PDB file of N, CA and C in Angstrom:
ATOM      1  N   UNK A   1      13.481  26.916 -77.623  1.00  0.00           N
ATOM      2  CA  UNK A   1      14.577  27.831 -77.901  1.00  0.00           C
ATOM      3  C   UNK A   1      15.222  28.304 -76.600  1.00  0.00           C
ATOM      4  N   UNK A   2      14.392  28.697 -75.636  1.00  0.00           N
ATOM      5  CA  UNK A   2      14.913  29.208 -74.380  1.00  0.00           C
ATOM      6  C   UNK A   2      15.703  28.137 -73.633  1.00  0.00           C
ATOM      7  N   UNK A   3      15.209  26.916 -73.656  1.00  0.00           N
ATOM      8  CA  UNK A   3      15.903  25.849 -72.932  1.00  0.00           C
ATOM      9  C   UNK A   3      17.269  25.553 -73.553  1.00  0.00           C
ATOM     10  N   UNK A   4      17.397  25.760 -74.871  1.00  0.00           N
ATOM     11  CA  UNK A   4      18.689  25.553 -75.534  1.00  0.00           C
ATOM     12  C   UNK A   4      19.709  26.570 -75.019  1.00  0.00           C
ATOM     13  N   UNK A   5      19.286  27.813 -74.856  1.00  0.00           N
ATOM     14  CA  UNK A   5      20.170  28.862 -74.348  1.00  0.00           C
ATOM     15  C   UNK A   5      20.557  28.558 -72.909  1.00  0.00           C
ATOM     16  N   UNK A   6      19.592  28.167 -72.100  1.00  0.00           N
ATOM     17  CA  UNK A   6      19.869  27.835 -70.703  1.00  0.00           C
ATOM     18  C   UNK A   6      20.838  26.667 -70.620  1.00  0.00           C
ATOM     19  N   UNK A   7      20.643  25.663 -71.458  1.00  0.00           N
ATOM     20  CA  UNK A   7      21.535  24.506 -71.478  1.00  0.00           C
ATOM     21  C   UNK A   7      22.951  24.929 -71.846  1.00  0.00           C
ATOM     22  N   UNK A   8      23.074  25.809 -72.841  1.00  0.00           N
ATOM     23  CA  UNK A   8      24.396  26.281 -73.266  1.00  0.00           C
ATOM     24  C   UNK A   8      25.077  27.064 -72.144  1.00  0.00           C
ATOM     25  N   UNK A   9      24.329  27.894 -71.461  1.00  0.00           N
ATOM     26  CA  UNK A   9      24.893  28.661 -70.344  1.00  0.00           C
ATOM     27  C   UNK A   9      25.359  27.722 -69.245  1.00  0.00           C
ATOM     28  N   UNK A  10      24.554  26.746 -68.918  1.00  0.00           N
ATOM     29  CA  UNK A  10      24.920  25.798 -67.868  1.00  0.00           C
ATOM     30  C   UNK A  10      26.145  24.972 -68.250  1.00  0.00           C
ATOM     31  N   UNK A  11      26.306  24.688 -69.542  1.00  0.00           N
ATOM     32  CA  UNK A  11      27.484  23.950 -69.994  1.00  0.00           C
ATOM     33  C   UNK A  11      28.765  24.733 -69.724  1.00  0.00           C
ATOM     34  N   UNK A  12      28.713  26.054 -69.884  1.00  0.00           N
ATOM     35  CA  UNK A  12      29.895  26.875 -69.633  1.00  0.00           C
ATOM     36  C   UNK A  12      30.295  26.871 -68.162  1.00  0.00           C
ATOM     37  N   UNK A  13      29.359  26.557 -67.283  1.00  0.00           N
ATOM     38  CA  UNK A  13      29.685  26.452 -65.856  1.00  0.00           C
ATOM     39  C   UNK A  13      30.598  25.270 -65.572  1.00  0.00           C
ATOM     40  N   UNK A  14      30.577  24.292 -66.444  1.00  0.00           N
ATOM     41  CA  UNK A  14      31.376  23.089 -66.209  1.00  0.00           C
ATOM     42  C   UNK A  14      32.609  22.995 -67.105  1.00  0.00           C
ATOM     43  N   UNK A  15      32.771  23.934 -68.030  1.00  0.00           N
ATOM     44  CA  UNK A  15      33.892  23.877 -68.976  1.00  0.00           C
ATOM     45  C   UNK A  15      34.943  24.925 -68.635  1.00  0.00           C
ATOM     46  N   UNK A  16      36.168  24.650 -69.005  1.00  0.00           N
ATOM     47  CA  UNK A  16      37.269  25.591 -68.822  1.00  0.00           C
ATOM     48  C   UNK A  16      37.265  26.555 -70.004  1.00  0.00           C
ATOM     49  N   UNK A  17      36.983  27.826 -69.728  1.00  0.00           N
ATOM     50  CA  UNK A  17      36.935  28.839 -70.792  1.00  0.00           C
ATOM     51  C   UNK A  17      38.146  29.759 -70.764  1.00  0.00           C
ATOM     52  N   UNK A  18      39.150  29.415 -69.961  1.00  0.00           N
ATOM     53  CA  UNK A  18      40.329  30.277 -69.845  1.00  0.00           C
ATOM     54  C   UNK A  18      41.101  30.394 -71.159  1.00  0.00           C
ATOM     55  N   UNK A  19      40.930  29.443 -72.058  1.00  0.00           N
ATOM     56  CA  UNK A  19      41.626  29.504 -73.347  1.00  0.00           C
ATOM     57  C   UNK A  19      41.113  30.656 -74.207  1.00  0.00           C
ATOM     58  N   UNK A  20      39.935  31.175 -73.901  1.00  0.00           N
ATOM     59  CA  UNK A  20      39.361  32.283 -74.668  1.00  0.00           C
ATOM     60  C   UNK A  20      39.862  33.642 -74.177  1.00  0.00           C
ATOM     61  N   UNK A  21      40.587  33.660 -73.061  1.00  0.00           N
ATOM     62  CA  UNK A  21      41.023  34.911 -72.453  1.00  0.00           C
ATOM     63  C   UNK A  21      42.499  35.142 -72.749  1.00  0.00           C
ATOM     64  N   UNK A  22      42.786  36.289 -73.353  1.00  0.00           N
ATOM     65  CA  UNK A  22      44.171  36.676 -73.626  1.00  0.00           C
ATOM     66  C   UNK A  22      44.500  37.846 -72.701  1.00  0.00           C
ATOM     67  N   UNK A  23      45.273  37.579 -71.658  1.00  0.00           N
ATOM     68  CA  UNK A  23      45.588  38.609 -70.674  1.00  0.00           C
ATOM     69  C   UNK A  23      46.447  39.719 -71.260  1.00  0.00           C
ATOM     70  N   UNK A  24      47.107  39.464 -72.370  1.00  0.00           N
ATOM     71  CA  UNK A  24      47.940  40.486 -73.014  1.00  0.00           C
ATOM     72  C   UNK A  24      47.120  41.456 -73.856  1.00  0.00           C
ATOM     73  N   UNK A  25      45.884  41.073 -74.175  1.00  0.00           N
ATOM     74  CA  UNK A  25      45.016  41.931 -74.977  1.00  0.00           C
ATOM     75  C   UNK A  25      43.619  41.944 -74.344  1.00  0.00           C
ATOM     76  N   UNK A  26      43.453  42.706 -73.258  1.00  0.00           N
ATOM     77  CA  UNK A  26      42.137  42.755 -72.621  1.00  0.00           C
ATOM     78  C   UNK A  26      41.113  43.427 -73.532  1.00  0.00           C
ATOM     79  N   UNK A  27      39.920  42.907 -73.518  1.00  0.00           N
ATOM     80  CA  UNK A  27      38.846  43.455 -74.348  1.00  0.00           C
ATOM     81  C   UNK A  27      38.111  44.557 -73.610  1.00  0.00           C
ATOM     82  N   UNK A  28      37.627  45.504 -74.367  1.00  0.00           N
ATOM     83  CA  UNK A  28      36.768  46.545 -73.827  1.00  0.00           C
ATOM     84  C   UNK A  28      35.335  46.150 -74.144  1.00  0.00           C
ATOM     85  N   UNK A  29      34.387  46.737 -73.434  1.00  0.00           N
ATOM     86  CA  UNK A  29      32.984  46.421 -73.694  1.00  0.00           C
ATOM     87  C   UNK A  29      32.611  46.753 -75.135  1.00  0.00           C
ATOM     88  N   UNK A  30      33.166  47.829 -75.671  1.00  0.00           N
ATOM     89  CA  UNK A  30      32.850  48.200 -77.054  1.00  0.00           C
ATOM     90  C   UNK A  30      33.342  47.149 -78.049  1.00  0.00           C
ATOM     91  N   UNK A  31      34.425  46.426 -77.692  1.00  0.00           N
ATOM     92  CA  UNK A  31      34.914  45.345 -78.549  1.00  0.00           C
ATOM     93  C   UNK A  31      33.901  44.213 -78.636  1.00  0.00           C
ATOM     94  N   UNK A  32      33.103  44.083 -77.594  1.00  0.00           N
ATOM     95  CA  UNK A  32      32.096  43.020 -77.552  1.00  0.00           C
ATOM     96  C   UNK A  32      30.734  43.481 -78.053  1.00  0.00           C
ATOM     97  N   UNK A  33      30.662  44.749 -78.475  1.00  0.00           N
ATOM     98  CA  UNK A  33      29.400  45.287 -78.970  1.00  0.00           C
ATOM     99  C   UNK A  33      28.450  45.664 -77.848  1.00  0.00           C
ATOM    100  N   UNK A  34      29.000  45.882 -76.656  1.00  0.00           N
ATOM    101  CA  UNK A  34      28.177  46.249 -75.512  1.00  0.00           C
ATOM    102  C   UNK A  34      28.426  47.710 -75.193  1.00  0.00           C
ATOM    103  N   UNK A  35      27.352  48.461 -75.024  1.00  0.00           N
ATOM    104  CA  UNK A  35      27.476  49.866 -74.682  1.00  0.00           C
ATOM    105  C   UNK A  35      26.652  50.136 -73.440  1.00  0.00           C
ATOM    106  N   UNK A  36      27.297  50.637 -72.401  1.00  0.00           N
ATOM    107  CA  UNK A  36      26.591  50.955 -71.170  1.00  0.00           C
ATOM    108  C   UNK A  36      25.867  52.280 -71.329  1.00  0.00           C
ATOM    109  N   UNK A  37      24.721  52.426 -70.676  1.00  0.00           N
ATOM    110  CA  UNK A  37      24.000  53.699 -70.771  1.00  0.00           C
ATOM    111  C   UNK A  37      24.814  54.811 -70.109  1.00  0.00           C
ATOM    112  N   UNK A  38      24.665  56.013 -70.637  1.00  0.00           N
ATOM    113  CA  UNK A  38      25.357  57.145 -70.048  1.00  0.00           C
ATOM    114  C   UNK A  38      24.741  57.461 -68.692  1.00  0.00           C
ATOM    115  N   UNK A  39      25.512  58.118 -67.869  1.00  0.00           N
ATOM    116  CA  UNK A  39      25.037  58.437 -66.528  1.00  0.00           C
ATOM    117  C   UNK A  39      23.907  59.455 -66.605  1.00  0.00           C
ATOM    118  N   UNK A  40      22.924  59.260 -65.773  1.00  0.00           N
ATOM    119  CA  UNK A  40      21.774  60.151 -65.721  1.00  0.00           C
ATOM    120  C   UNK A  40      22.212  61.542 -65.274  1.00  0.00           C
ATOM    121  N   UNK A  41      21.599  62.594 -65.823  1.00  0.00           N
ATOM    122  CA  UNK A  41      21.991  63.946 -65.413  1.00  0.00           C
ATOM    123  C   UNK A  41      21.542  64.296 -63.992  1.00  0.00           C
ATOM    124  N   UNK A  42      20.680  63.483 -63.421  1.00  0.00           N
ATOM    125  CA  UNK A  42      20.228  63.715 -62.050  1.00  0.00           C
ATOM    126  C   UNK A  42      20.437  62.458 -61.223  1.00  0.00           C
ATOM    127  N   UNK A  43      20.546  62.643 -59.934  1.00  0.00           N
ATOM    128  CA  UNK A  43      20.713  61.539 -58.993  1.00  0.00           C
ATOM    129  C   UNK A  43      19.622  61.625 -57.931  1.00  0.00           C
ATOM    130  N   UNK A  44      19.167  60.484 -57.506  1.00  0.00           N
ATOM    131  CA  UNK A  44      18.182  60.405 -56.444  1.00  0.00           C
ATOM    132  C   UNK A  44      18.912  60.345 -55.114  1.00  0.00           C
ATOM    133  N   UNK A  45      18.524  61.221 -54.191  1.00  0.00           N
ATOM    134  CA  UNK A  45      19.120  61.197 -52.858  1.00  0.00           C
ATOM    135  C   UNK A  45      18.008  61.124 -51.821  1.00  0.00           C
ATOM    136  N   UNK A  46      18.388  60.763 -50.635  1.00  0.00           N
ATOM    137  CA  UNK A  46      17.458  60.756 -49.509  1.00  0.00           C
ATOM    138  C   UNK A  46      17.981  61.775 -48.509  1.00  0.00           C
ATOM    139  N   UNK A  47      17.125  62.668 -48.088  1.00  0.00           N
ATOM    140  CA  UNK A  47      17.542  63.753 -47.215  1.00  0.00           C
ATOM    141  C   UNK A  47      16.517  63.915 -46.098  1.00  0.00           C
ATOM    142  N   UNK A  48      16.978  63.841 -44.875  1.00  0.00           N
ATOM    143  CA  UNK A  48      16.092  64.051 -43.728  1.00  0.00           C
ATOM    144  C   UNK A  48      16.131  65.517 -43.329  1.00  0.00           C
ATOM    145  N   UNK A  49      14.950  66.114 -43.240  1.00  0.00           N
ATOM    146  CA  UNK A  49      14.830  67.503 -42.828  1.00  0.00           C
ATOM    147  C   UNK A  49      13.912  67.585 -41.613  1.00  0.00           C
ATOM    148  N   UNK A  50      14.144  68.560 -40.754  1.00  0.00           N
ATOM    149  CA  UNK A  50      13.193  68.759 -39.659  1.00  0.00           C
ATOM    150  C   UNK A  50      11.810  69.066 -40.233  1.00  0.00           C
ATOM    151  N   UNK A  51      10.803  68.542 -39.607  1.00  0.00           N
ATOM    152  CA  UNK A  51       9.428  68.697 -40.106  1.00  0.00           C
ATOM    153  C   UNK A  51       9.053  70.160 -40.280  1.00  0.00           C
ATOM    154  N   UNK A  52       9.438  70.983 -39.323  1.00  0.00           N
ATOM    155  CA  UNK A  52       9.108  72.411 -39.389  1.00  0.00           C
ATOM    156  C   UNK A  52       9.749  73.068 -40.610  1.00  0.00           C
ATOM    157  N   UNK A  53      10.999  72.730 -40.891  1.00  0.00           N
ATOM    158  CA  UNK A  53      11.688  73.286 -42.056  1.00  0.00           C
ATOM    159  C   UNK A  53      11.019  72.826 -43.350  1.00  0.00           C
ATOM    160  N   UNK A  54      10.677  71.546 -43.427  1.00  0.00           N
ATOM    161  CA  UNK A  54      10.016  71.035 -44.627  1.00  0.00           C
ATOM    162  C   UNK A  54       8.669  71.720 -44.839  1.00  0.00           C
ATOM    163  N   UNK A  55       7.916  71.922 -43.764  1.00  0.00           N
ATOM    164  CA  UNK A  55       6.622  72.613 -43.875  1.00  0.00           C
ATOM    165  C   UNK A  55       6.807  74.045 -44.370  1.00  0.00           C
ATOM    166  N   UNK A  56       7.852  74.729 -43.885  1.00  0.00           N
ATOM    167  CA  UNK A  56       8.125  76.093 -44.347  1.00  0.00           C
ATOM    168  C   UNK A  56       8.513  76.097 -45.823  1.00  0.00           C
ATOM    169  N   UNK A  57       9.322  75.121 -46.221  1.00  0.00           N
ATOM    170  CA  UNK A  57       9.701  75.000 -47.638  1.00  0.00           C
ATOM    171  C   UNK A  57       8.471  74.781 -48.516  1.00  0.00           C
ATOM    172  N   UNK A  58       7.605  73.881 -48.089  1.00  0.00           N
ATOM    173  CA  UNK A  58       6.394  73.588 -48.868  1.00  0.00           C
ATOM    174  C   UNK A  58       5.496  74.810 -48.967  1.00  0.00           C
ATOM    175  N   UNK A  59       5.344  75.539 -47.867  1.00  0.00           N
ATOM    176  CA  UNK A  59       4.486  76.737 -47.873  1.00  0.00           C
ATOM    177  C   UNK A  59       5.063  77.804 -48.796  1.00  0.00           C
ATOM    178  N   UNK A  60       6.360  78.029 -48.713  1.00  0.00           N
ATOM    179  CA  UNK A  60       7.009  79.043 -49.564  1.00  0.00           C
ATOM    180  C   UNK A  60       6.922  78.647 -51.032  1.00  0.00           C
ATOM    181  N   UNK A  61       7.143  77.375 -51.301  1.00  0.00           N
ATOM    182  CA  UNK A  61       7.056  76.896 -52.688  1.00  0.00           C
ATOM    183  C   UNK A  61       5.648  77.056 -53.231  1.00  0.00           C
ATOM    184  N   UNK A  62       4.668  76.747 -52.397  1.00  0.00           N
ATOM    185  CA  UNK A  62       3.266  76.878 -52.814  1.00  0.00           C
ATOM    186  C   UNK A  62       2.925  78.332 -53.127  1.00  0.00           C
ATOM    187  N   UNK A  63       3.431  79.254 -52.317  1.00  0.00           N
ATOM    188  CA  UNK A  63       3.185  80.686 -52.552  1.00  0.00           C
ATOM    189  C   UNK A  63       3.803  81.143 -53.876  1.00  0.00           C
ATOM    190  N   UNK A  64       4.899  80.485 -54.258  1.00  0.00           N
ATOM    191  CA  UNK A  64       5.580  80.838 -55.510  1.00  0.00           C
ATOM    192  C   UNK A  64       5.157  79.950 -56.677  1.00  0.00           C
ATOM    193  N   UNK A  65       4.170  79.091 -56.438  1.00  0.00           N
ATOM    194  CA  UNK A  65       3.589  78.218 -57.458  1.00  0.00           C
ATOM    195  C   UNK A  65       4.628  77.293 -58.106  1.00  0.00           C
ATOM    196  N   UNK A  66       5.509  76.731 -57.277  1.00  0.00           N
ATOM    197  CA  UNK A  66       6.460  75.725 -57.740  1.00  0.00           C
ATOM    198  C   UNK A  66       6.435  74.561 -56.757  1.00  0.00           C
ATOM    199  N   UNK A  67       6.944  73.429 -57.187  1.00  0.00           N
ATOM    200  CA  UNK A  67       6.983  72.275 -56.287  1.00  0.00           C
ATOM    201  C   UNK A  67       8.059  72.508 -55.227  1.00  0.00           C
ATOM    202  N   UNK A  68       7.863  71.892 -54.068  1.00  0.00           N
ATOM    203  CA  UNK A  68       8.836  72.093 -52.995  1.00  0.00           C
ATOM    204  C   UNK A  68      10.189  71.463 -53.341  1.00  0.00           C
ATOM    205  N   UNK A  69      10.191  70.411 -54.153  1.00  0.00           N
ATOM    206  CA  UNK A  69      11.470  69.819 -54.550  1.00  0.00           C
ATOM    207  C   UNK A  69      12.238  70.776 -55.472  1.00  0.00           C
ATOM    208  N   UNK A  70      11.531  71.468 -56.354  1.00  0.00           N
ATOM    209  CA  UNK A  70      12.180  72.470 -57.200  1.00  0.00           C
ATOM    210  C   UNK A  70      12.703  73.612 -56.344  1.00  0.00           C
ATOM    211  N   UNK A  71      11.930  73.971 -55.324  1.00  0.00           N
ATOM    212  CA  UNK A  71      12.345  75.029 -54.401  1.00  0.00           C
ATOM    213  C   UNK A  71      13.646  74.637 -53.698  1.00  0.00           C
ATOM    214  N   UNK A  72      13.740  73.394 -53.258  1.00  0.00           N
ATOM    215  CA  UNK A  72      14.956  72.914 -52.597  1.00  0.00           C
ATOM    216  C   UNK A  72      16.137  72.983 -53.551  1.00  0.00           C
ATOM    217  N   UNK A  73      15.932  72.589 -54.812  1.00  0.00           N
ATOM    218  CA  UNK A  73      17.019  72.643 -55.795  1.00  0.00           C
ATOM    219  C   UNK A  73      17.492  74.073 -56.027  1.00  0.00           C
ATOM    220  N   UNK A  74      16.557  74.998 -56.116  1.00  0.00           N
ATOM    221  CA  UNK A  74      16.903  76.409 -56.325  1.00  0.00           C
ATOM    222  C   UNK A  74      17.709  76.933 -55.140  1.00  0.00           C
ATOM    223  N   UNK A  75      17.231  76.646 -53.927  1.00  0.00           N
ATOM    224  CA  UNK A  75      17.923  77.122 -52.727  1.00  0.00           C
ATOM    225  C   UNK A  75      19.312  76.499 -52.595  1.00  0.00           C
ATOM    226  N   UNK A  76      19.435  75.215 -52.910  1.00  0.00           N
ATOM    227  CA  UNK A  76      20.747  74.567 -52.853  1.00  0.00           C
ATOM    228  C   UNK A  76      21.712  75.186 -53.866  1.00  0.00           C
ATOM    229  N   UNK A  77      21.229  75.422 -55.083  1.00  0.00           N
ATOM    230  CA  UNK A  77      22.085  76.010 -56.120  1.00  0.00           C
ATOM    231  C   UNK A  77      22.550  77.404 -55.703  1.00  0.00           C
ATOM    232  N   UNK A  78      21.631  78.219 -55.168  1.00  0.00           N
ATOM    233  CA  UNK A  78      22.001  79.574 -54.717  1.00  0.00           C
ATOM    234  C   UNK A  78      22.981  79.493 -53.549  1.00  0.00           C
ATOM    235  N   UNK A  79      22.740  78.575 -52.645  1.00  0.00           N
ATOM    236  CA  UNK A  79      23.633  78.396 -51.485  1.00  0.00           C
ATOM    237  C   UNK A  79      25.022  77.995 -51.892  1.00  0.00           C
ATOM    238  N   UNK A  80      25.142  77.078 -52.834  1.00  0.00           N
ATOM    239  CA  UNK A  80      26.456  76.642 -53.300  1.00  0.00           C
ATOM    240  C   UNK A  80      27.167  77.802 -54.017  1.00  0.00           C
ATOM    241  N   UNK A  81      26.428  78.544 -54.841  1.00  0.00           N
ATOM    242  CA  UNK A  81      27.030  79.687 -55.546  1.00  0.00           C
ATOM    243  C   UNK A  81      27.524  80.745 -54.561  1.00  0.00           C
ATOM    244  N   UNK A  82      26.772  80.987 -53.503  1.00  0.00           N
ATOM    245  CA  UNK A  82      27.172  81.986 -52.504  1.00  0.00           C
ATOM    246  C   UNK A  82      28.292  81.488 -51.617  1.00  0.00           C
ATOM    247  N   UNK A  83      28.412  80.186 -51.471  1.00  0.00           N
ATOM    248  CA  UNK A  83      29.422  79.595 -50.606  1.00  0.00           C
ATOM    249  C   UNK A  83      30.809  79.732 -51.209  1.00  0.00           C
ATOM    250  N   UNK A  84      30.851  79.675 -52.531  1.00  0.00           N
ATOM    251  CA  UNK A  84      32.154  79.681 -53.227  1.00  0.00           C
ATOM    252  C   UNK A  84      32.764  81.061 -53.257  1.00  0.00           C
TER     253      UNK A  84
END
């Protein structure tokens, strides 16, 4: 079964498929039954901090019984609110 699909895909590499494309009526992904996942509510970033600052953040977070990453998020949110 898998080899049949691979063969069909490889056949399209050698065939002209431009007849299937109507430039006057572009398709949307939803027309093809494809739905992209929604964007995640959080993003992963990389942030370099001085070692001394990170150690102070970790110590303060530990004293408040929260993770240091949560502490950073809280401080950033407060900083942005105060900045505006």
